[in-house]
Amino acid sequence: MTRKYEDFQKFIDALSRQLGEDIALIQMDQADAHVTSELRWPENLIPVCQPAHSPELNPIERVWEFIKHQLTGEVFTTLQQLRDRLQQVLEKITKQQICSLSSYNFILEALFYAASS
């Protein structure tokens, strides 16, 4: 059995490789796997923990709201129907929509500051 943080470590290592020379700010909640001292943070990733109990600061929450809005008023009698409809919604979301939904000024300002340092 793997320790909780090992999958997250694999994720940040893969993200770091994908970024190459670029720098990214990674915002996350304070889950044990995200804040353990066991993590080895690559130099091109800047971890930022959001305050506890503050989902409104998590960019993915706006994406979830957008997705849920697409399903408003629909009724699914099986889990498979929900999965199929969700797949349709996800296939239609563009990269530009994700960027628009998940971009907060404070995140963009932090990235600009980190890139200019």
PDB file of N, CA and C in Angstrom:
ATOM      1  N   MET A   1       0.846  -1.180   0.000  1.00  0.00           N
ATOM      2  CA  MET A   1       0.000   0.000   0.000  1.00  0.00           C
ATOM      3  C   MET A   1       0.896   1.249   0.000  1.00  0.00           C
ATOM      4  N   THR A   2       0.545   2.213  -0.833  1.00  0.00           N
ATOM      5  CA  THR A   2       1.352   3.425  -0.911  1.00  0.00           C
ATOM      6  C   THR A   2       0.925   4.410   0.170  1.00  0.00           C
ATOM      7  N   ARG A   3       1.873   5.249   0.554  1.00  0.00           N
ATOM      8  CA  ARG A   3       1.547   6.315   1.491  1.00  0.00           C
ATOM      9  C   ARG A   3       0.715   7.351   0.763  1.00  0.00           C
ATOM     10  N   LYS A   4      -0.103   8.093   1.513  1.00  0.00           N
ATOM     11  CA  LYS A   4      -1.052   9.042   0.921  1.00  0.00           C
ATOM     12  C   LYS A   4      -0.401  10.026  -0.033  1.00  0.00           C
ATOM     13  N   TYR A   5       0.777  10.488   0.297  1.00  0.00           N
ATOM     14  CA  TYR A   5       1.394  11.547  -0.492  1.00  0.00           C
ATOM     15  C   TYR A   5       2.070  11.043  -1.768  1.00  0.00           C
ATOM     16  N   GLU A   6       2.319   9.750  -1.899  1.00  0.00           N
ATOM     17  CA  GLU A   6       3.115   9.248  -3.021  1.00  0.00           C
ATOM     18  C   GLU A   6       2.465   9.506  -4.374  1.00  0.00           C
ATOM     19  N   ASP A   7       1.150   9.370  -4.463  1.00  0.00           N
ATOM     20  CA  ASP A   7       0.470   9.667  -5.726  1.00  0.00           C
ATOM     21  C   ASP A   7       0.568  11.152  -6.050  1.00  0.00           C
ATOM     22  N   PHE A   8       0.450  11.999  -5.015  1.00  0.00           N
ATOM     23  CA  PHE A   8       0.579  13.433  -5.236  1.00  0.00           C
ATOM     24  C   PHE A   8       2.002  13.772  -5.664  1.00  0.00           C
ATOM     25  N   GLN A   9       2.978  13.104  -5.102  1.00  0.00           N
ATOM     26  CA  GLN A   9       4.372  13.322  -5.504  1.00  0.00           C
ATOM     27  C   GLN A   9       4.554  12.978  -6.977  1.00  0.00           C
ATOM     28  N   LYS A  10       3.961  11.876  -7.410  1.00  0.00           N
ATOM     29  CA  LYS A  10       4.042  11.496  -8.821  1.00  0.00           C
ATOM     30  C   LYS A  10       3.422  12.573  -9.703  1.00  0.00           C
ATOM     31  N   PHE A  11       2.291  13.127  -9.232  1.00  0.00           N
ATOM     32  CA  PHE A  11       1.619  14.188  -9.993  1.00  0.00           C
ATOM     33  C   PHE A  11       2.510  15.419 -10.117  1.00  0.00           C
ATOM     34  N   ILE A  12       3.068  15.902  -9.004  1.00  0.00           N
ATOM     35  CA  ILE A  12       3.875  17.130  -9.089  1.00  0.00           C
ATOM     36  C   ILE A  12       5.170  16.884  -9.870  1.00  0.00           C
ATOM     37  N   ASP A  13       5.723  15.690  -9.799  1.00  0.00           N
ATOM     38  CA  ASP A  13       6.913  15.370 -10.601  1.00  0.00           C
ATOM     39  C   ASP A  13       6.573  15.397 -12.091  1.00  0.00           C
ATOM     40  N   ALA A  14       5.433  14.805 -12.457  1.00  0.00           N
ATOM     41  CA  ALA A  14       5.016  14.785 -13.865  1.00  0.00           C
ATOM     42  C   ALA A  14       4.706  16.210 -14.340  1.00  0.00           C
ATOM     43  N   LEU A  15       4.039  16.991 -13.508  1.00  0.00           N
ATOM     44  CA  LEU A  15       3.730  18.376 -13.866  1.00  0.00           C
ATOM     45  C   LEU A  15       5.015  19.173 -14.064  1.00  0.00           C
ATOM     46  N   SER A  16       5.964  18.987 -13.187  1.00  0.00           N
ATOM     47  CA  SER A  16       7.251  19.674 -13.286  1.00  0.00           C
ATOM     48  C   SER A  16       7.949  19.337 -14.602  1.00  0.00           C
ATOM     49  N   ARG A  17       7.956  18.067 -14.962  1.00  0.00           N
ATOM     50  CA  ARG A  17       8.588  17.656 -16.231  1.00  0.00           C
ATOM     51  C   ARG A  17       7.870  18.286 -17.414  1.00  0.00           C
ATOM     52  N   GLN A  18       6.547  18.313 -17.353  1.00  0.00           N
ATOM     53  CA  GLN A  18       5.748  18.886 -18.437  1.00  0.00           C
ATOM     54  C   GLN A  18       6.031  20.382 -18.595  1.00  0.00           C
ATOM     55  N   LEU A  19       6.252  21.073 -17.483  1.00  0.00           N
ATOM     56  CA  LEU A  19       6.514  22.513 -17.522  1.00  0.00           C
ATOM     57  C   LEU A  19       7.885  22.846 -18.086  1.00  0.00           C
ATOM     58  N   GLY A  20       8.823  21.943 -17.916  1.00  0.00           N
ATOM     59  CA  GLY A  20      10.174  22.212 -18.391  1.00  0.00           C
ATOM     60  C   GLY A  20      10.788  23.384 -17.645  1.00  0.00           C
ATOM     61  N   GLU A  21      11.141  24.438 -18.358  1.00  0.00           N
ATOM     62  CA  GLU A  21      11.762  25.616 -17.764  1.00  0.00           C
ATOM     63  C   GLU A  21      10.740  26.597 -17.193  1.00  0.00           C
ATOM     64  N   ASP A  22       9.460  26.403 -17.511  1.00  0.00           N
ATOM     65  CA  ASP A  22       8.419  27.305 -17.009  1.00  0.00           C
ATOM     66  C   ASP A  22       8.217  27.109 -15.514  1.00  0.00           C
ATOM     67  N   ILE A  23       7.644  28.114 -14.884  1.00  0.00           N
ATOM     68  CA  ILE A  23       7.334  28.077 -13.455  1.00  0.00           C
ATOM     69  C   ILE A  23       5.819  28.115 -13.295  1.00  0.00           C
ATOM     70  N   ALA A  24       5.300  27.368 -12.343  1.00  0.00           N
ATOM     71  CA  ALA A  24       3.857  27.370 -12.089  1.00  0.00           C
ATOM     72  C   ALA A  24       3.584  27.463 -10.598  1.00  0.00           C
ATOM     73  N   LEU A  25       2.530  28.147 -10.293  1.00  0.00           N
ATOM     74  CA  LEU A  25       2.023  28.229  -8.937  1.00  0.00           C
ATOM     75  C   LEU A  25       0.950  27.155  -8.822  1.00  0.00           C
ATOM     76  N   ILE A  26       1.022  26.310  -7.819  1.00  0.00           N
ATOM     77  CA  ILE A  26       0.016  25.264  -7.652  1.00  0.00           C
ATOM     78  C   ILE A  26      -0.724  25.524  -6.350  1.00  0.00           C
ATOM     79  N   GLN A  27      -2.006  25.831  -6.501  1.00  0.00           N
ATOM     80  CA  GLN A  27      -2.842  26.126  -5.344  1.00  0.00           C
ATOM     81  C   GLN A  27      -3.565  24.858  -4.927  1.00  0.00           C
ATOM     82  N   MET A  28      -3.593  24.623  -3.623  1.00  0.00           N
ATOM     83  CA  MET A  28      -4.218  23.391  -3.138  1.00  0.00           C
ATOM     84  C   MET A  28      -4.806  23.584  -1.755  1.00  0.00           C
ATOM     85  N   ASP A  29      -5.618  22.633  -1.375  1.00  0.00           N
ATOM     86  CA  ASP A  29      -6.163  22.655  -0.026  1.00  0.00           C
ATOM     87  C   ASP A  29      -5.103  22.112   0.935  1.00  0.00           C
ATOM     88  N   GLN A  30      -5.464  21.979   2.178  1.00  0.00           N
ATOM     89  CA  GLN A  30      -4.493  21.535   3.176  1.00  0.00           C
ATOM     90  C   GLN A  30      -4.646  20.055   3.526  1.00  0.00           C
ATOM     91  N   ALA A  31      -4.983  19.264   2.527  1.00  0.00           N
ATOM     92  CA  ALA A  31      -5.059  17.816   2.745  1.00  0.00           C
ATOM     93  C   ALA A  31      -3.693  17.307   3.198  1.00  0.00           C
ATOM     94  N   ASP A  32      -3.687  16.293   4.026  1.00  0.00           N
ATOM     95  CA  ASP A  32      -2.435  15.744   4.558  1.00  0.00           C
ATOM     96  C   ASP A  32      -1.420  15.450   3.458  1.00  0.00           C
ATOM     97  N   ALA A  33      -1.890  14.896   2.353  1.00  0.00           N
ATOM     98  CA  ALA A  33      -0.990  14.535   1.262  1.00  0.00           C
ATOM     99  C   ALA A  33      -0.362  15.755   0.593  1.00  0.00           C
ATOM    100  N   HIS A  34      -0.996  16.910   0.723  1.00  0.00           N
ATOM    101  CA  HIS A  34      -0.494  18.133   0.088  1.00  0.00           C
ATOM    102  C   HIS A  34       0.494  18.900   0.958  1.00  0.00           C
ATOM    103  N   VAL A  35       0.446  18.696   2.265  1.00  0.00           N
ATOM    104  CA  VAL A  35       1.266  19.517   3.169  1.00  0.00           C
ATOM    105  C   VAL A  35       2.324  18.717   3.941  1.00  0.00           C
ATOM    106  N   THR A  36       2.453  17.456   3.641  1.00  0.00           N
ATOM    107  CA  THR A  36       3.432  16.644   4.357  1.00  0.00           C
ATOM    108  C   THR A  36       4.863  17.099   4.045  1.00  0.00           C
ATOM    109  N   SER A  37       5.714  17.003   5.022  1.00  0.00           N
ATOM    110  CA  SER A  37       7.123  17.354   4.824  1.00  0.00           C
ATOM    111  C   SER A  37       7.844  16.302   3.985  1.00  0.00           C
ATOM    112  N   GLU A  38       7.178  15.203   3.705  1.00  0.00           N
ATOM    113  CA  GLU A  38       7.760  14.141   2.881  1.00  0.00           C
ATOM    114  C   GLU A  38       7.833  14.528   1.396  1.00  0.00           C
ATOM    115  N   LEU A  39       7.028  15.505   0.980  1.00  0.00           N
ATOM    116  CA  LEU A  39       7.023  15.908  -0.429  1.00  0.00           C
ATOM    117  C   LEU A  39       8.338  16.584  -0.801  1.00  0.00           C
ATOM    118  N   ARG A  40       8.778  16.321  -2.006  1.00  0.00           N
ATOM    119  CA  ARG A  40       9.948  16.993  -2.575  1.00  0.00           C
ATOM    120  C   ARG A  40       9.435  17.883  -3.711  1.00  0.00           C
ATOM    121  N   TRP A  41       9.400  19.186  -3.441  1.00  0.00           N
ATOM    122  CA  TRP A  41       8.852  20.126  -4.420  1.00  0.00           C
ATOM    123  C   TRP A  41       9.905  20.503  -5.457  1.00  0.00           C
ATOM    124  N   PRO A  42       9.613  20.292  -6.744  1.00  0.00           N
ATOM    125  CA  PRO A  42      10.532  20.732  -7.795  1.00  0.00           C
ATOM    126  C   PRO A  42      10.657  22.259  -7.771  1.00  0.00           C
ATOM    127  N   GLU A  43      11.787  22.751  -8.225  1.00  0.00           N
ATOM    128  CA  GLU A  43      12.037  24.185  -8.182  1.00  0.00           C
ATOM    129  C   GLU A  43      11.091  24.992  -9.049  1.00  0.00           C
ATOM    130  N   ASN A  44      10.513  24.385 -10.076  1.00  0.00           N
ATOM    131  CA  ASN A  44       9.632  25.148 -10.966  1.00  0.00           C
ATOM    132  C   ASN A  44       8.160  25.112 -10.544  1.00  0.00           C
ATOM    133  N   LEU A  45       7.871  24.558  -9.373  1.00  0.00           N
ATOM    134  CA  LEU A  45       6.513  24.568  -8.826  1.00  0.00           C
ATOM    135  C   LEU A  45       6.513  25.316  -7.499  1.00  0.00           C
ATOM    136  N   ILE A  46       5.580  26.234  -7.372  1.00  0.00           N
ATOM    137  CA  ILE A  46       5.458  27.019  -6.149  1.00  0.00           C
ATOM    138  C   ILE A  46       4.152  26.612  -5.461  1.00  0.00           C
ATOM    139  N   PRO A  47       4.246  25.909  -4.337  1.00  0.00           N
ATOM    140  CA  PRO A  47       3.017  25.485  -3.653  1.00  0.00           C
ATOM    141  C   PRO A  47       2.407  26.642  -2.852  1.00  0.00           C
ATOM    142  N   VAL A  48       1.091  26.782  -2.958  1.00  0.00           N
ATOM    143  CA  VAL A  48       0.359  27.777  -2.178  1.00  0.00           C
ATOM    144  C   VAL A  48      -0.846  27.066  -1.577  1.00  0.00           C
ATOM    145  N   CYS A  49      -0.908  27.043  -0.252  1.00  0.00           N
ATOM    146  CA  CYS A  49      -2.043  26.406   0.415  1.00  0.00           C
ATOM    147  C   CYS A  49      -3.116  27.447   0.698  1.00  0.00           C
ATOM    148  N   GLN A  50      -4.327  27.128   0.325  1.00  0.00           N
ATOM    149  CA  GLN A  50      -5.428  28.025   0.632  1.00  0.00           C
ATOM    150  C   GLN A  50      -5.816  27.832   2.095  1.00  0.00           C
ATOM    151  N   PRO A  51      -6.414  28.850   2.686  1.00  0.00           N
ATOM    152  CA  PRO A  51      -6.853  28.707   4.085  1.00  0.00           C
ATOM    153  C   PRO A  51      -7.865  27.567   4.227  1.00  0.00           C
ATOM    154  N   ALA A  52      -7.894  26.979   5.390  1.00  0.00           N
ATOM    155  CA  ALA A  52      -8.855  25.899   5.652  1.00  0.00           C
ATOM    156  C   ALA A  52     -10.290  26.400   5.476  1.00  0.00           C
ATOM    157  N   HIS A  53     -11.144  25.532   5.037  1.00  0.00           N
ATOM    158  CA  HIS A  53     -12.578  25.811   4.892  1.00  0.00           C
ATOM    159  C   HIS A  53     -12.835  27.021   4.006  1.00  0.00           C
ATOM    160  N   SER A  54     -12.160  27.083   2.857  1.00  0.00           N
ATOM    161  CA  SER A  54     -12.359  28.215   1.951  1.00  0.00           C
ATOM    162  C   SER A  54     -12.447  27.736   0.498  1.00  0.00           C
ATOM    163  N   PRO A  55     -13.461  26.933   0.186  1.00  0.00           N
ATOM    164  CA  PRO A  55     -13.567  26.418  -1.179  1.00  0.00           C
ATOM    165  C   PRO A  55     -13.735  27.523  -2.228  1.00  0.00           C
ATOM    166  N   GLU A  56     -14.208  28.693  -1.808  1.00  0.00           N
ATOM    167  CA  GLU A  56     -14.381  29.783  -2.769  1.00  0.00           C
ATOM    168  C   GLU A  56     -13.050  30.272  -3.340  1.00  0.00           C
ATOM    169  N   LEU A  57     -11.943  29.923  -2.694  1.00  0.00           N
ATOM    170  CA  LEU A  57     -10.625  30.295  -3.196  1.00  0.00           C
ATOM    171  C   LEU A  57     -10.032  29.245  -4.126  1.00  0.00           C
ATOM    172  N   ASN A  58     -10.678  28.113  -4.221  1.00  0.00           N
ATOM    173  CA  ASN A  58     -10.168  27.025  -5.039  1.00  0.00           C
ATOM    174  C   ASN A  58     -10.714  27.168  -6.461  1.00  0.00           C
ATOM    175  N   PRO A  59      -9.843  27.404  -7.445  1.00  0.00           N
ATOM    176  CA  PRO A  59     -10.317  27.625  -8.813  1.00  0.00           C
ATOM    177  C   PRO A  59     -11.192  26.503  -9.363  1.00  0.00           C
ATOM    178  N   ILE A  60     -10.954  25.272  -8.957  1.00  0.00           N
ATOM    179  CA  ILE A  60     -11.751  24.168  -9.500  1.00  0.00           C
ATOM    180  C   ILE A  60     -13.213  24.274  -9.094  1.00  0.00           C
ATOM    181  N   GLU A  61     -13.504  24.956  -7.994  1.00  0.00           N
ATOM    182  CA  GLU A  61     -14.895  25.094  -7.561  1.00  0.00           C
ATOM    183  C   GLU A  61     -15.733  25.834  -8.597  1.00  0.00           C
ATOM    184  N   ARG A  62     -15.137  26.825  -9.270  1.00  0.00           N
ATOM    185  CA  ARG A  62     -15.872  27.542 -10.320  1.00  0.00           C
ATOM    186  C   ARG A  62     -16.123  26.644 -11.518  1.00  0.00           C
ATOM    187  N   VAL A  63     -15.184  25.750 -11.800  1.00  0.00           N
ATOM    188  CA  VAL A  63     -15.370  24.802 -12.894  1.00  0.00           C
ATOM    189  C   VAL A  63     -16.517  23.852 -12.554  1.00  0.00           C
ATOM    190  N   TRP A  64     -16.531  23.351 -11.303  1.00  0.00           N
ATOM    191  CA  TRP A  64     -17.623  22.450 -10.886  1.00  0.00           C
ATOM    192  C   TRP A  64     -18.970  23.158 -10.995  1.00  0.00           C
ATOM    193  N   GLU A  65     -19.026  24.428 -10.575  1.00  0.00           N
ATOM    194  CA  GLU A  65     -20.281  25.190 -10.666  1.00  0.00           C
ATOM    195  C   GLU A  65     -20.748  25.291 -12.114  1.00  0.00           C
ATOM    196  N   PHE A  66     -19.828  25.547 -13.021  1.00  0.00           N
ATOM    197  CA  PHE A  66     -20.154  25.621 -14.444  1.00  0.00           C
ATOM    198  C   PHE A  66     -20.724  24.295 -14.931  1.00  0.00           C
ATOM    199  N   ILE A  67     -20.075  23.199 -14.556  1.00  0.00           N
ATOM    200  CA  ILE A  67     -20.534  21.871 -14.973  1.00  0.00           C
ATOM    201  C   ILE A  67     -21.922  21.583 -14.406  1.00  0.00           C
ATOM    202  N   LYS A  68     -22.109  21.863 -13.123  1.00  0.00           N
ATOM    203  CA  LYS A  68     -23.417  21.613 -12.502  1.00  0.00           C
ATOM    204  C   LYS A  68     -24.510  22.442 -13.171  1.00  0.00           C
ATOM    205  N   HIS A  69     -24.170  23.665 -13.553  1.00  0.00           N
ATOM    206  CA  HIS A  69     -25.151  24.529 -14.226  1.00  0.00           C
ATOM    207  C   HIS A  69     -25.611  23.902 -15.547  1.00  0.00           C
ATOM    208  N   GLN A  70     -24.705  23.214 -16.241  1.00  0.00           N
ATOM    209  CA  GLN A  70     -25.052  22.551 -17.500  1.00  0.00           C
ATOM    210  C   GLN A  70     -26.057  21.418 -17.293  1.00  0.00           C
ATOM    211  N   LEU A  71     -26.110  20.888 -16.084  1.00  0.00           N
ATOM    212  CA  LEU A  71     -26.990  19.751 -15.785  1.00  0.00           C
ATOM    213  C   LEU A  71     -28.277  20.162 -15.072  1.00  0.00           C
ATOM    214  N   THR A  72     -28.445  21.462 -14.842  1.00  0.00           N
ATOM    215  CA  THR A  72     -29.615  21.950 -14.112  1.00  0.00           C
ATOM    216  C   THR A  72     -30.910  21.497 -14.773  1.00  0.00           C
ATOM    217  N   GLY A  73     -31.794  20.951 -13.969  1.00  0.00           N
ATOM    218  CA  GLY A  73     -33.113  20.536 -14.446  1.00  0.00           C
ATOM    219  C   GLY A  73     -33.149  19.165 -15.091  1.00  0.00           C
ATOM    220  N   GLU A  74     -32.025  18.553 -15.271  1.00  0.00           N
ATOM    221  CA  GLU A  74     -32.007  17.227 -15.886  1.00  0.00           C
ATOM    222  C   GLU A  74     -32.169  16.165 -14.808  1.00  0.00           C
ATOM    223  N   VAL A  75     -32.844  15.077 -15.162  1.00  0.00           N
ATOM    224  CA  VAL A  75     -33.066  13.972 -14.238  1.00  0.00           C
ATOM    225  C   VAL A  75     -32.459  12.715 -14.859  1.00  0.00           C
ATOM    226  N   PHE A  76     -31.707  12.005 -14.051  1.00  0.00           N
ATOM    227  CA  PHE A  76     -31.049  10.788 -14.518  1.00  0.00           C
ATOM    228  C   PHE A  76     -31.566   9.623 -13.692  1.00  0.00           C
ATOM    229  N   THR A  77     -32.012   8.593 -14.367  1.00  0.00           N
ATOM    230  CA  THR A  77     -32.557   7.443 -13.641  1.00  0.00           C
ATOM    231  C   THR A  77     -31.496   6.387 -13.366  1.00  0.00           C
ATOM    232  N   THR A  78     -30.357   6.517 -14.031  1.00  0.00           N
ATOM    233  CA  THR A  78     -29.259   5.577 -13.759  1.00  0.00           C
ATOM    234  C   THR A  78     -27.948   6.365 -13.650  1.00  0.00           C
ATOM    235  N   LEU A  79     -27.012   5.782 -12.972  1.00  0.00           N
ATOM    236  CA  LEU A  79     -25.693   6.388 -12.855  1.00  0.00           C
ATOM    237  C   LEU A  79     -25.032   6.480 -14.225  1.00  0.00           C
ATOM    238  N   GLN A  80     -25.275   5.500 -15.082  1.00  0.00           N
ATOM    239  CA  GLN A  80     -24.685   5.520 -16.422  1.00  0.00           C
ATOM    240  C   GLN A  80     -25.213   6.694 -17.243  1.00  0.00           C
ATOM    241  N   GLN A  81     -26.490   7.022 -17.098  1.00  0.00           N
ATOM    242  CA  GLN A  81     -27.032   8.187 -17.801  1.00  0.00           C
ATOM    243  C   GLN A  81     -26.320   9.465 -17.358  1.00  0.00           C
ATOM    244  N   LEU A  82     -26.102   9.594 -16.063  1.00  0.00           N
ATOM    245  CA  LEU A  82     -25.378  10.749 -15.542  1.00  0.00           C
ATOM    246  C   LEU A  82     -23.957  10.778 -16.092  1.00  0.00           C
ATOM    247  N   ARG A  83     -23.286   9.644 -16.077  1.00  0.00           N
ATOM    248  CA  ARG A  83     -21.914   9.576 -16.607  1.00  0.00           C
ATOM    249  C   ARG A  83     -21.863   9.980 -18.080  1.00  0.00           C
ATOM    250  N   ASP A  84     -22.812   9.458 -18.863  1.00  0.00           N
ATOM    251  CA  ASP A  84     -22.837   9.774 -20.293  1.00  0.00           C
ATOM    252  C   ASP A  84     -23.063  11.270 -20.519  1.00  0.00           C
ATOM    253  N   ARG A  85     -23.983  11.847 -19.775  1.00  0.00           N
ATOM    254  CA  ARG A  85     -24.274  13.281 -19.925  1.00  0.00           C
ATOM    255  C   ARG A  85     -23.089  14.121 -19.467  1.00  0.00           C
ATOM    256  N   LEU A  86     -22.476  13.729 -18.376  1.00  0.00           N
ATOM    257  CA  LEU A  86     -21.302  14.438 -17.887  1.00  0.00           C
ATOM    258  C   LEU A  86     -20.178  14.379 -18.920  1.00  0.00           C
ATOM    259  N   GLN A  87     -20.007  13.240 -19.552  1.00  0.00           N
ATOM    260  CA  GLN A  87     -18.992  13.103 -20.604  1.00  0.00           C
ATOM    261  C   GLN A  87     -19.272  14.082 -21.741  1.00  0.00           C
ATOM    262  N   GLN A  88     -20.546  14.243 -22.113  1.00  0.00           N
ATOM    263  CA  GLN A  88     -20.909  15.191 -23.166  1.00  0.00           C
ATOM    264  C   GLN A  88     -20.539  16.622 -22.762  1.00  0.00           C
ATOM    265  N   VAL A  89     -20.854  16.966 -21.532  1.00  0.00           N
ATOM    266  CA  VAL A  89     -20.540  18.308 -21.039  1.00  0.00           C
ATOM    267  C   VAL A  89     -19.036  18.543 -21.044  1.00  0.00           C
ATOM    268  N   LEU A  90     -18.274  17.580 -20.534  1.00  0.00           N
ATOM    269  CA  LEU A  90     -16.823  17.722 -20.458  1.00  0.00           C
ATOM    270  C   LEU A  90     -16.181  17.828 -21.840  1.00  0.00           C
ATOM    271  N   GLU A  91     -16.723  17.107 -22.812  1.00  0.00           N
ATOM    272  CA  GLU A  91     -16.165  17.151 -24.166  1.00  0.00           C
ATOM    273  C   GLU A  91     -16.375  18.509 -24.830  1.00  0.00           C
ATOM    274  N   LYS A  92     -17.389  19.257 -24.391  1.00  0.00           N
ATOM    275  CA  LYS A  92     -17.689  20.560 -24.994  1.00  0.00           C
ATOM    276  C   LYS A  92     -16.941  21.718 -24.331  1.00  0.00           C
ATOM    277  N   ILE A  93     -16.386  21.496 -23.151  1.00  0.00           N
ATOM    278  CA  ILE A  93     -15.680  22.576 -22.468  1.00  0.00           C
ATOM    279  C   ILE A  93     -14.363  22.837 -23.186  1.00  0.00           C
ATOM    280  N   THR A  94     -14.128  24.109 -23.497  1.00  0.00           N
ATOM    281  CA  THR A  94     -12.908  24.467 -24.203  1.00  0.00           C
ATOM    282  C   THR A  94     -11.802  24.851 -23.223  1.00  0.00           C
ATOM    283  N   LYS A  95     -10.590  24.848 -23.727  1.00  0.00           N
ATOM    284  CA  LYS A  95      -9.441  25.269 -22.926  1.00  0.00           C
ATOM    285  C   LYS A  95      -9.636  26.722 -22.466  1.00  0.00           C
ATOM    286  N   GLN A  96     -10.175  27.553 -23.341  1.00  0.00           N
ATOM    287  CA  GLN A  96     -10.405  28.956 -23.007  1.00  0.00           C
ATOM    288  C   GLN A  96     -11.428  29.086 -21.869  1.00  0.00           C
ATOM    289  N   GLN A  97     -12.458  28.252 -21.868  1.00  0.00           N
ATOM    290  CA  GLN A  97     -13.441  28.286 -20.786  1.00  0.00           C
ATOM    291  C   GLN A  97     -12.801  27.896 -19.462  1.00  0.00           C
ATOM    292  N   ILE A  98     -11.990  26.857 -19.479  1.00  0.00           N
ATOM    293  CA  ILE A  98     -11.316  26.430 -18.250  1.00  0.00           C
ATOM    294  C   ILE A  98     -10.427  27.548 -17.734  1.00  0.00           C
ATOM    295  N   CYS A  99      -9.673  28.166 -18.626  1.00  0.00           N
ATOM    296  CA  CYS A  99      -8.798  29.279 -18.210  1.00  0.00           C
ATOM    297  C   CYS A  99      -9.618  30.425 -17.627  1.00  0.00           C
ATOM    298  N   SER A 100     -10.712  30.751 -18.264  1.00  0.00           N
ATOM    299  CA  SER A 100     -11.556  31.846 -17.789  1.00  0.00           C
ATOM    300  C   SER A 100     -12.171  31.522 -16.430  1.00  0.00           C
ATOM    301  N   LEU A 101     -12.652  30.311 -16.276  1.00  0.00           N
ATOM    302  CA  LEU A 101     -13.299  29.917 -15.028  1.00  0.00           C
ATOM    303  C   LEU A 101     -12.322  29.794 -13.865  1.00  0.00           C
ATOM    304  N   SER A 102     -11.107  29.380 -14.149  1.00  0.00           N
ATOM    305  CA  SER A 102     -10.178  29.085 -13.059  1.00  0.00           C
ATOM    306  C   SER A 102      -9.124  30.162 -12.828  1.00  0.00           C
ATOM    307  N   SER A 103      -9.193  31.244 -13.569  1.00  0.00           N
ATOM    308  CA  SER A 103      -8.210  32.317 -13.402  1.00  0.00           C
ATOM    309  C   SER A 103      -8.718  33.356 -12.415  1.00  0.00           C
ATOM    310  N   TYR A 104      -7.995  33.510 -11.357  1.00  0.00           N
ATOM    311  CA  TYR A 104      -8.270  34.554 -10.372  1.00  0.00           C
ATOM    312  C   TYR A 104      -7.155  35.581 -10.481  1.00  0.00           C
ATOM    313  N   ASN A 105      -7.468  36.848 -10.302  1.00  0.00           N
ATOM    314  CA  ASN A 105      -6.454  37.890 -10.401  1.00  0.00           C
ATOM    315  C   ASN A 105      -5.286  37.645  -9.464  1.00  0.00           C
ATOM    316  N   PHE A 106      -5.550  37.199  -8.222  1.00  0.00           N
ATOM    317  CA  PHE A 106      -4.449  37.009  -7.282  1.00  0.00           C
ATOM    318  C   PHE A 106      -3.515  35.894  -7.732  1.00  0.00           C
ATOM    319  N   ILE A 107      -4.047  34.901  -8.418  1.00  0.00           N
ATOM    320  CA  ILE A 107      -3.199  33.826  -8.938  1.00  0.00           C
ATOM    321  C   ILE A 107      -2.356  34.354 -10.091  1.00  0.00           C
ATOM    322  N   LEU A 108      -2.985  35.089 -11.004  1.00  0.00           N
ATOM    323  CA  LEU A 108      -2.251  35.636 -12.136  1.00  0.00           C
ATOM    324  C   LEU A 108      -1.171  36.612 -11.678  1.00  0.00           C
ATOM    325  N   GLU A 109      -1.486  37.425 -10.683  1.00  0.00           N
ATOM    326  CA  GLU A 109      -0.500  38.364 -10.156  1.00  0.00           C
ATOM    327  C   GLU A 109       0.670  37.613  -9.509  1.00  0.00           C
ATOM    328  N   ALA A 110       0.386  36.546  -8.788  1.00  0.00           N
ATOM    329  CA  ALA A 110       1.456  35.764  -8.174  1.00  0.00           C
ATOM    330  C   ALA A 110       2.346  35.116  -9.232  1.00  0.00           C
ATOM    331  N   LEU A 111       1.739  34.606 -10.294  1.00  0.00           N
ATOM    332  CA  LEU A 111       2.521  34.009 -11.376  1.00  0.00           C
ATOM    333  C   LEU A 111       3.394  35.061 -12.054  1.00  0.00           C
ATOM    334  N   PHE A 112       2.820  36.245 -12.283  1.00  0.00           N
ATOM    335  CA  PHE A 112       3.594  37.329 -12.887  1.00  0.00           C
ATOM    336  C   PHE A 112       4.770  37.708 -11.999  1.00  0.00           C
ATOM    337  N   TYR A 113       4.509  37.806 -10.714  1.00  0.00           N
ATOM    338  CA  TYR A 113       5.567  38.164  -9.757  1.00  0.00           C
ATOM    339  C   TYR A 113       6.660  37.090  -9.747  1.00  0.00           C
ATOM    340  N   ALA A 114       6.247  35.821  -9.730  1.00  0.00           N
ATOM    341  CA  ALA A 114       7.221  34.725  -9.695  1.00  0.00           C
ATOM    342  C   ALA A 114       8.056  34.701 -10.983  1.00  0.00           C
ATOM    343  N   ALA A 115       7.422  34.985 -12.098  1.00  0.00           N
ATOM    344  CA  ALA A 115       8.138  34.955 -13.379  1.00  0.00           C
ATOM    345  C   ALA A 115       9.103  36.127 -13.513  1.00  0.00           C
ATOM    346  N   SER A 116       8.790  37.229 -12.853  1.00  0.00           N
ATOM    347  CA  SER A 116       9.645  38.419 -12.990  1.00  0.00           C
ATOM    348  C   SER A 116      10.764  38.463 -11.952  1.00  0.00           C
ATOM    349  N   SER A 117      10.754  37.541 -11.014  1.00  0.00           N
ATOM    350  CA  SER A 117      11.792  37.527  -9.958  1.00  0.00           C
ATOM    351  C   SER A 117      13.098  36.967 -10.460  1.00  0.00           C
TER     352      SER A 117
END
